[in-house]
Amino acid sequence: MLLRDHLQSRFGEFLGQLHTKIGYLHGEFQLSNARMQQPDDTLQFVLNCKDEELFDVIELIFKSNLPGITWPDNPLIVVA
């Protein structure tokens, strides 16, 4: 939710680009069994994937140049 709030209107763009990257990783154009637009397909995949696949997605988010994600100066990450 924090990421969605941070990206606001660009959240759909973020999910679409993440969909493409996950698709390359898994060799699939469609990530879930339902026929949906890329942002919804990405969310379905993340909500229903195996734990290992979820960790791959999290790693992809931080390694990719996706909108709203900057590393190491990401305002969403608080280092104590």
N, C-alpha and C. Protein backbone atom coordinates (compact mmCIF):
# COMPACT_ATOMS: atom_id res chain seq x y z
N MET A 1 0.82 -1.18 0.00
CA MET A 1 0.00 0.00 0.00
C MET A 1 0.87 1.25 0.00
N LEU A 2 1.99 1.19 0.69
CA LEU A 2 2.89 2.33 0.73
C LEU A 2 3.44 2.63 -0.67
N LEU A 3 3.79 1.59 -1.39
CA LEU A 3 4.28 1.76 -2.76
C LEU A 3 3.19 2.36 -3.64
N ARG A 4 1.97 1.85 -3.53
CA ARG A 4 0.85 2.38 -4.32
C ARG A 4 0.63 3.85 -4.01
N ASP A 5 0.64 4.21 -2.73
CA ASP A 5 0.43 5.60 -2.33
C ASP A 5 1.57 6.49 -2.84
N HIS A 6 2.79 5.98 -2.79
CA HIS A 6 3.95 6.75 -3.25
C HIS A 6 3.89 6.99 -4.76
N LEU A 7 3.49 5.98 -5.52
CA LEU A 7 3.47 6.09 -6.98
C LEU A 7 2.22 6.79 -7.49
N GLN A 8 1.14 6.74 -6.75
CA GLN A 8 -0.15 7.34 -7.08
C GLN A 8 -0.58 6.95 -8.49
N SER A 9 -0.62 7.87 -9.42
CA SER A 9 -1.15 7.58 -10.76
C SER A 9 -0.21 6.72 -11.61
N ARG A 10 1.02 6.55 -11.18
CA ARG A 10 1.98 5.75 -11.95
C ARG A 10 2.01 4.28 -11.50
N PHE A 11 1.13 3.90 -10.56
CA PHE A 11 1.15 2.53 -10.04
C PHE A 11 0.83 1.52 -11.14
N GLY A 12 -0.12 1.84 -12.03
CA GLY A 12 -0.45 0.95 -13.15
C GLY A 12 0.73 0.76 -14.09
N GLU A 13 1.45 1.85 -14.35
CA GLU A 13 2.66 1.78 -15.19
C GLU A 13 3.71 0.89 -14.53
N PHE A 14 3.89 1.07 -13.22
CA PHE A 14 4.83 0.25 -12.46
C PHE A 14 4.48 -1.23 -12.58
N LEU A 15 3.20 -1.58 -12.36
CA LEU A 15 2.78 -2.98 -12.45
C LEU A 15 2.93 -3.53 -13.86
N GLY A 16 2.67 -2.71 -14.87
CA GLY A 16 2.83 -3.16 -16.25
C GLY A 16 4.28 -3.48 -16.57
N GLN A 17 5.19 -2.63 -16.14
CA GLN A 17 6.61 -2.87 -16.38
C GLN A 17 7.11 -4.05 -15.55
N LEU A 18 6.61 -4.19 -14.33
CA LEU A 18 6.98 -5.33 -13.51
C LEU A 18 6.48 -6.62 -14.15
N HIS A 19 5.30 -6.58 -14.75
CA HIS A 19 4.73 -7.74 -15.45
C HIS A 19 5.67 -8.20 -16.55
N THR A 20 6.20 -7.26 -17.31
CA THR A 20 7.12 -7.60 -18.39
C THR A 20 8.37 -8.28 -17.83
N LYS A 21 8.91 -7.74 -16.76
CA LYS A 21 10.14 -8.31 -16.17
C LYS A 21 9.89 -9.70 -15.58
N ILE A 22 8.75 -9.89 -14.92
CA ILE A 22 8.41 -11.21 -14.39
C ILE A 22 8.19 -12.19 -15.54
N GLY A 23 7.55 -11.71 -16.60
CA GLY A 23 7.34 -12.56 -17.77
C GLY A 23 8.65 -13.05 -18.37
N TYR A 24 9.64 -12.17 -18.48
CA TYR A 24 10.95 -12.58 -18.98
C TYR A 24 11.60 -13.60 -18.05
N LEU A 25 11.46 -13.37 -16.74
CA LEU A 25 12.05 -14.28 -15.77
C LEU A 25 11.44 -15.68 -15.86
N HIS A 26 10.14 -15.75 -16.06
CA HIS A 26 9.44 -17.04 -16.08
C HIS A 26 9.16 -17.57 -17.49
N GLY A 27 9.46 -16.77 -18.51
CA GLY A 27 9.23 -17.21 -19.87
C GLY A 27 7.76 -17.32 -20.23
N GLU A 28 6.93 -16.50 -19.63
CA GLU A 28 5.48 -16.52 -19.85
C GLU A 28 4.98 -15.12 -20.15
N PHE A 29 4.07 -15.01 -21.13
CA PHE A 29 3.45 -13.71 -21.39
C PHE A 29 2.28 -13.46 -20.44
N GLN A 30 1.60 -14.53 -20.06
CA GLN A 30 0.48 -14.45 -19.12
C GLN A 30 0.93 -15.08 -17.82
N LEU A 31 0.84 -14.35 -16.71
CA LEU A 31 1.38 -14.83 -15.43
C LEU A 31 0.37 -15.61 -14.60
N SER A 32 -0.91 -15.34 -14.80
CA SER A 32 -1.95 -16.05 -14.05
C SER A 32 -2.89 -16.76 -15.03
N ASN A 33 -3.78 -17.57 -14.50
CA ASN A 33 -4.72 -18.30 -15.36
C ASN A 33 -5.83 -17.41 -15.89
N ALA A 34 -6.10 -16.31 -15.23
CA ALA A 34 -7.16 -15.41 -15.66
C ALA A 34 -6.65 -14.51 -16.80
N ARG A 35 -7.54 -14.18 -17.69
CA ARG A 35 -7.18 -13.27 -18.79
C ARG A 35 -7.46 -11.85 -18.34
N MET A 36 -6.39 -11.12 -18.01
CA MET A 36 -6.52 -9.76 -17.47
C MET A 36 -5.49 -8.85 -18.11
N GLN A 37 -5.66 -7.56 -17.84
CA GLN A 37 -4.66 -6.59 -18.23
C GLN A 37 -3.40 -6.82 -17.40
N GLN A 38 -2.26 -6.33 -17.88
CA GLN A 38 -0.99 -6.58 -17.21
C GLN A 38 -0.97 -6.21 -15.73
N PRO A 39 -1.45 -5.02 -15.33
CA PRO A 39 -1.40 -4.70 -13.89
C PRO A 39 -2.18 -5.71 -13.03
N ASP A 40 -3.37 -6.09 -13.46
CA ASP A 40 -4.16 -7.05 -12.70
C ASP A 40 -3.54 -8.44 -12.72
N ASP A 41 -2.97 -8.81 -13.86
CA ASP A 41 -2.30 -10.10 -13.98
C ASP A 41 -1.10 -10.17 -13.03
N THR A 42 -0.37 -9.05 -12.92
CA THR A 42 0.77 -8.99 -12.01
C THR A 42 0.32 -9.19 -10.57
N LEU A 43 -0.73 -8.49 -10.18
CA LEU A 43 -1.24 -8.62 -8.81
C LEU A 43 -1.72 -10.04 -8.53
N GLN A 44 -2.41 -10.67 -9.48
CA GLN A 44 -2.87 -12.05 -9.30
C GLN A 44 -1.69 -12.99 -9.12
N PHE A 45 -0.65 -12.79 -9.91
CA PHE A 45 0.55 -13.61 -9.80
C PHE A 45 1.18 -13.48 -8.42
N VAL A 46 1.36 -12.22 -7.98
CA VAL A 46 2.01 -11.97 -6.68
C VAL A 46 1.18 -12.55 -5.53
N LEU A 47 -0.13 -12.45 -5.64
CA LEU A 47 -0.99 -12.96 -4.56
C LEU A 47 -1.07 -14.48 -4.51
N ASN A 48 -0.77 -15.15 -5.63
CA ASN A 48 -0.94 -16.60 -5.70
C ASN A 48 0.33 -17.38 -5.98
N CYS A 49 1.46 -16.73 -6.11
CA CYS A 49 2.69 -17.44 -6.47
C CYS A 49 3.29 -18.15 -5.26
N LYS A 50 4.25 -19.01 -5.55
CA LYS A 50 5.00 -19.71 -4.50
C LYS A 50 5.91 -18.71 -3.79
N ASP A 51 6.32 -19.06 -2.59
CA ASP A 51 7.19 -18.18 -1.81
C ASP A 51 8.47 -17.83 -2.56
N GLU A 52 9.08 -18.82 -3.20
CA GLU A 52 10.33 -18.57 -3.93
C GLU A 52 10.11 -17.57 -5.06
N GLU A 53 8.97 -17.67 -5.74
CA GLU A 53 8.67 -16.75 -6.83
C GLU A 53 8.44 -15.34 -6.30
N LEU A 54 7.83 -15.22 -5.14
CA LEU A 54 7.61 -13.91 -4.54
C LEU A 54 8.95 -13.24 -4.20
N PHE A 55 9.88 -14.02 -3.67
CA PHE A 55 11.20 -13.46 -3.38
C PHE A 55 11.90 -13.02 -4.66
N ASP A 56 11.71 -13.76 -5.75
CA ASP A 56 12.26 -13.36 -7.05
C ASP A 56 11.66 -12.03 -7.50
N VAL A 57 10.35 -11.85 -7.29
CA VAL A 57 9.68 -10.60 -7.67
C VAL A 57 10.23 -9.44 -6.84
N ILE A 58 10.39 -9.65 -5.55
CA ILE A 58 10.92 -8.59 -4.68
C ILE A 58 12.33 -8.21 -5.13
N GLU A 59 13.13 -9.20 -5.44
CA GLU A 59 14.49 -8.94 -5.93
C GLU A 59 14.45 -8.17 -7.25
N LEU A 60 13.54 -8.57 -8.15
CA LEU A 60 13.38 -7.88 -9.43
C LEU A 60 13.04 -6.40 -9.22
N ILE A 61 12.17 -6.14 -8.28
CA ILE A 61 11.75 -4.76 -8.02
C ILE A 61 12.95 -3.90 -7.66
N PHE A 62 13.83 -4.42 -6.81
CA PHE A 62 14.97 -3.63 -6.38
C PHE A 62 16.10 -3.59 -7.40
N LYS A 63 16.20 -4.59 -8.26
CA LYS A 63 17.27 -4.61 -9.25
C LYS A 63 16.89 -3.91 -10.55
N SER A 64 15.61 -3.67 -10.74
CA SER A 64 15.12 -3.10 -12.00
C SER A 64 14.98 -1.59 -11.89
N ASN A 65 14.99 -0.96 -13.02
CA ASN A 65 14.80 0.48 -13.07
C ASN A 65 13.31 0.76 -13.30
N LEU A 66 12.49 0.40 -12.33
CA LEU A 66 11.05 0.59 -12.43
C LEU A 66 10.69 1.97 -11.91
N PRO A 67 9.60 2.57 -12.41
CA PRO A 67 9.22 3.90 -11.95
C PRO A 67 8.96 3.92 -10.44
N GLY A 68 9.52 4.91 -9.76
CA GLY A 68 9.30 5.06 -8.33
C GLY A 68 10.26 4.29 -7.46
N ILE A 69 11.10 3.46 -8.05
CA ILE A 69 12.04 2.66 -7.29
C ILE A 69 13.45 3.18 -7.56
N THR A 70 14.05 3.73 -6.53
CA THR A 70 15.45 4.17 -6.64
C THR A 70 16.22 3.48 -5.53
N TRP A 71 17.43 3.14 -5.81
CA TRP A 71 18.23 2.45 -4.82
C TRP A 71 19.60 3.07 -4.82
N PRO A 72 20.20 3.40 -3.74
CA PRO A 72 19.85 3.10 -2.35
C PRO A 72 19.05 4.21 -1.69
N ASP A 73 18.71 5.28 -2.39
CA ASP A 73 18.04 6.43 -1.77
C ASP A 73 16.53 6.38 -1.93
N ASN A 74 15.93 5.25 -1.67
CA ASN A 74 14.49 5.09 -1.81
C ASN A 74 13.80 5.62 -0.55
N PRO A 75 12.88 6.58 -0.73
CA PRO A 75 12.20 7.16 0.44
C PRO A 75 11.28 6.15 1.14
N LEU A 76 10.98 5.02 0.49
CA LEU A 76 10.12 4.01 1.10
C LEU A 76 10.88 3.11 2.06
N ILE A 77 12.21 3.16 2.00
CA ILE A 77 13.03 2.27 2.85
C ILE A 77 13.64 3.10 3.97
N VAL A 78 13.34 2.72 5.16
CA VAL A 78 13.87 3.41 6.33
C VAL A 78 14.93 2.52 6.96
N VAL A 79 16.14 3.03 7.05
CA VAL A 79 17.24 2.28 7.66
C VAL A 79 17.43 2.83 9.08
N ALA A 80 17.31 1.94 10.04
CA ALA A 80 17.43 2.39 11.45
C ALA A 80 18.86 2.35 11.90
